C-alpha atoms as a PDB file:
ATOM      1  CA  UNK A   1       0.000   0.000   0.000  1.00  0.00           C
ATOM      2  CA  UNK A   2       1.293   3.420  -0.917  1.00  0.00           C
ATOM      3  CA  UNK A   3      -0.245   6.671   0.252  1.00  0.00           C
ATOM      4  CA  UNK A   4       0.526  10.336   0.730  1.00  0.00           C
ATOM      5  CA  UNK A   5      -0.032  11.883   4.129  1.00  0.00           C
ATOM      6  CA  UNK A   6      -0.848  15.588   4.094  1.00  0.00           C
ATOM      7  CA  UNK A   7       0.099  17.093   7.449  1.00  0.00           C
ATOM      8  CA  UNK A   8      -0.835  20.401   9.047  1.00  0.00           C
ATOM      9  CA  UNK A   9       1.602  21.607  11.698  1.00  0.00           C
ATOM     10  CA  UNK A  10       1.784  24.365  14.253  1.00  0.00           C
ATOM     11  CA  UNK A  11       3.401  27.542  12.936  1.00  0.00           C
ATOM     12  CA  UNK A  12       7.145  27.094  12.406  1.00  0.00           C
ATOM     13  CA  UNK A  13       7.175  23.384  13.322  1.00  0.00           C
ATOM     14  CA  UNK A  14       7.314  21.919   9.771  1.00  0.00           C
ATOM     15  CA  UNK A  15      11.110  21.308   9.681  1.00  0.00           C
ATOM     16  CA  UNK A  16      10.983  19.445  12.996  1.00  0.00           C
ATOM     17  CA  UNK A  17       7.956  17.387  11.872  1.00  0.00           C
ATOM     18  CA  UNK A  18       9.709  16.507   8.572  1.00  0.00           C
ATOM     19  CA  UNK A  19      12.759  15.206  10.445  1.00  0.00           C
ATOM     20  CA  UNK A  20      10.685  13.084  12.817  1.00  0.00           C
ATOM     21  CA  UNK A  21       8.308  11.831  10.092  1.00  0.00           C
ATOM     22  CA  UNK A  22      11.254  10.565   8.033  1.00  0.00           C
ATOM     23  CA  UNK A  23      12.208   8.283  10.934  1.00  0.00           C
ATOM     24  CA  UNK A  24       8.755   6.624  11.117  1.00  0.00           C
ATOM     25  CA  UNK A  25       8.752   3.034   9.847  1.00  0.00           C
ATOM     26  CA  UNK A  26       7.212   2.852   6.363  1.00  0.00           C
ATOM     27  CA  UNK A  27       7.682   6.536   5.506  1.00  0.00           C
ATOM     28  CA  UNK A  28       9.740   6.720   2.307  1.00  0.00           C
ATOM     29  CA  UNK A  29       9.920  10.516   2.065  1.00  0.00           C
ATOM     30  CA  UNK A  30       8.722  13.672   3.822  1.00  0.00           C
ATOM     31  CA  UNK A  31       9.061  17.270   2.707  1.00  0.00           C
ATOM     32  CA  UNK A  32       7.912  20.700   3.879  1.00  0.00           C
ATOM     33  CA  UNK A  33       5.605  22.398   1.366  1.00  0.00           C
ATOM     34  CA  UNK A  34       3.730  25.679   0.979  1.00  0.00           C
ATOM     35  CA  UNK A  35      -0.064  25.658   0.859  1.00  0.00           C
ATOM     36  CA  UNK A  36      -2.968  24.260   2.858  1.00  0.00           C
ATOM     37  CA  UNK A  37      -0.693  21.595   4.342  1.00  0.00           C
ATOM     38  CA  UNK A  38       2.789  22.085   5.749  1.00  0.00           C
ATOM     39  CA  UNK A  39       4.323  18.634   5.213  1.00  0.00           C
ATOM     40  CA  UNK A  40       3.694  15.893   2.664  1.00  0.00           C
ATOM     41  CA  UNK A  41       4.962  12.413   3.483  1.00  0.00           C
ATOM     42  CA  UNK A  42       4.818   9.288   1.334  1.00  0.00           C
ATOM     43  CA  UNK A  43       4.489   5.860   2.868  1.00  0.00           C
ATOM     44  CA  UNK A  44       4.795   2.349   1.505  1.00  0.00           C
ATOM     45  CA  UNK A  45       3.531  -0.472   3.719  1.00  0.00           C
ATOM     46  CA  UNK A  46       2.229  -4.012   3.349  1.00  0.00           C
ATOM     47  CA  UNK A  47      -1.310  -3.544   4.698  1.00  0.00           C
ATOM     48  CA  UNK A  48      -3.807  -0.960   5.976  1.00  0.00           C
ATOM     49  CA  UNK A  49      -3.113  -1.815   9.633  1.00  0.00           C
ATOM     50  CA  UNK A  50       0.554  -0.862   9.255  1.00  0.00           C
ATOM     51  CA  UNK A  51      -0.519   2.323   7.484  1.00  0.00           C
ATOM     52  CA  UNK A  52      -2.875   3.231  10.342  1.00  0.00           C
ATOM     53  CA  UNK A  53      -0.054   2.704  12.864  1.00  0.00           C
ATOM     54  CA  UNK A  54       2.311   4.891  10.815  1.00  0.00           C
ATOM     55  CA  UNK A  55      -0.254   7.697  10.633  1.00  0.00           C
ATOM     56  CA  UNK A  56      -0.981   7.391  14.369  1.00  0.00           C
ATOM     57  CA  UNK A  57       2.767   7.733  15.019  1.00  0.00           C
ATOM     58  CA  UNK A  58       2.880  10.868  12.871  1.00  0.00           C
ATOM     59  CA  UNK A  59      -0.118  12.328  14.715  1.00  0.00           C
ATOM     60  CA  UNK A  60       1.751  11.781  17.997  1.00  0.00           C
ATOM     61  CA  UNK A  61       4.660  13.994  16.842  1.00  0.00           C
ATOM     62  CA  UNK A  62       4.733  17.295  18.757  1.00  0.00           C
ATOM     63  CA  UNK A  63       3.565  20.107  16.488  1.00  0.00           C
ATOM     64  CA  UNK A  64       1.261  18.013  14.270  1.00  0.00           C
ATOM     65  CA  UNK A  65      -2.294  19.347  14.154  1.00  0.00           C
ATOM     66  CA  UNK A  66      -4.016  16.963  11.759  1.00  0.00           C
ATOM     67  CA  UNK A  67      -3.256  14.598   8.909  1.00  0.00           C
ATOM     68  CA  UNK A  68      -5.110  13.497   5.795  1.00  0.00           C
ATOM     69  CA  UNK A  69      -4.224  10.133   4.237  1.00  0.00           C
ATOM     70  CA  UNK A  70      -4.544   9.851   0.446  1.00  0.00           C
ATOM     71  CA  UNK A  71      -4.083   6.274  -0.873  1.00  0.00           C
ATOM     72  CA  UNK A  72      -2.402   6.030  -4.277  1.00  0.00           C
ATOM     73  CA  UNK A  73      -4.742   4.870  -7.063  1.00  0.00           C
ATOM     74  CA  UNK A  74      -4.581   1.137  -7.700  1.00  0.00           C
ATOM     75  CA  UNK A  75      -3.469   0.377  -4.136  1.00  0.00           C
ATOM     76  CA  UNK A  76      -5.312  -1.268  -1.257  1.00  0.00           C
ATOM     77  CA  UNK A  77      -8.491   0.365  -0.021  1.00  0.00           C
ATOM     78  CA  UNK A  78      -8.623   0.906   3.789  1.00  0.00           C
ATOM     79  CA  UNK A  79     -11.271  -1.841   4.066  1.00  0.00           C
ATOM     80  CA  UNK A  80      -9.054  -4.354   2.266  1.00  0.00           C
ATOM     81  CA  UNK A  81     -10.732  -4.208  -1.159  1.00  0.00           C
ATOM     82  CA  UNK A  82      -8.517  -3.588  -4.143  1.00  0.00           C
ATOM     83  CA  UNK A  83      -9.628  -0.816  -6.482  1.00  0.00           C
ATOM     84  CA  UNK A  84      -8.554  -0.244 -10.048  1.00  0.00           C
ATOM     85  CA  UNK A  85      -6.535   2.637 -11.429  1.00  0.00           C
ATOM     86  CA  UNK A  86      -9.853   4.158 -12.488  1.00  0.00           C
ATOM     87  CA  UNK A  87     -10.755   4.534  -8.845  1.00  0.00           C
ATOM     88  CA  UNK A  88     -13.713   2.128  -8.743  1.00  0.00           C
ATOM     89  CA  UNK A  89     -13.852  -0.661  -6.211  1.00  0.00           C
ATOM     90  CA  UNK A  90     -13.695  -4.208  -7.556  1.00  0.00           C
ATOM     91  CA  UNK A  91     -17.101  -5.290  -8.801  1.00  0.00           C
ATOM     92  CA  UNK A  92     -18.503  -1.757  -8.784  1.00  0.00           C
ATOM     93  CA  UNK A  93     -20.766  -0.703 -11.612  1.00  0.00           C
ATOM     94  CA  UNK A  94     -19.625   1.772 -14.223  1.00  0.00           C
ATOM     95  CA  UNK A  95     -20.053   5.343 -13.027  1.00  0.00           C
ATOM     96  CA  UNK A  96     -19.768   4.426  -9.339  1.00  0.00           C
ATOM     97  CA  UNK A  97     -18.152   7.022  -7.097  1.00  0.00           C
ATOM     98  CA  UNK A  98     -14.519   6.643  -6.126  1.00  0.00           C
ATOM     99  CA  UNK A  99     -13.772   5.579  -2.555  1.00  0.00           C
ATOM    100  CA  UNK A 100     -13.564   8.590  -0.269  1.00  0.00           C
ATOM    101  CA  UNK A 101     -10.102   9.498   1.027  1.00  0.00           C
ATOM    102  CA  UNK A 102      -9.454   8.389   4.543  1.00  0.00           C
ATOM    103  CA  UNK A 103      -8.488  10.796   7.303  1.00  0.00           C
ATOM    104  CA  UNK A 104      -7.265   9.975  10.761  1.00  0.00           C
ATOM    105  CA  UNK A 105      -9.020  11.732  13.607  1.00  0.00           C
ATOM    106  CA  UNK A 106      -6.573  13.139  16.156  1.00  0.00           C
ATOM    107  CA  UNK A 107      -9.159  12.371  18.839  1.00  0.00           C
ATOM    108  CA  UNK A 108      -9.711   8.648  18.370  1.00  0.00           C
ATOM    109  CA  UNK A 109      -6.922   7.964  15.858  1.00  0.00           C
ATOM    110  CA  UNK A 110      -9.287   5.676  13.985  1.00  0.00           C
ATOM    111  CA  UNK A 111      -9.740   5.826  10.211  1.00  0.00           C
ATOM    112  CA  UNK A 112     -12.956   7.563   9.231  1.00  0.00           C
ATOM    113  CA  UNK A 113     -14.159   8.456   5.778  1.00  0.00           C
ATOM    114  CA  UNK A 114     -13.932  12.145   4.984  1.00  0.00           C
ATOM    115  CA  UNK A 115     -17.028  13.961   3.844  1.00  0.00           C
ATOM    116  CA  UNK A 116     -17.267  14.095   0.022  1.00  0.00           C
END
C-alpha cells in the first residue's frame, strides 16, 4: 500500500515534523511544502493496519495538528478491497463514485471516511 499523508503543523514546526516523520517506519519521504498543508509524506507499507499505525505515530509527533491520508490509485483500499486505477472498487458498476479518502481523527486515531 502506498499513500501520501498531508500534514498540518503548528506555525514554524514543519522542519521538525519533517525530520521526525522521516524516521517513522514505512515513511519513504517527507518534505515541507507551501499551501494548505505544511508537510507531505509518502508511505509504503504491506497492509492498511501498518498504514494506520504509521499515521498514528505521525499524529503523535509534537507540532502536528491533523493529517489526511490519500491512498495512491490502484493500491489497497482501507477496508481491504482492491480498487482499479480508475478509482472504482472491484465489482462496482460503471459510473460508481470513487472511494472517499481516509483521514485519521486526532481524537480517536481511527480511520474515518472524509465527507465528500
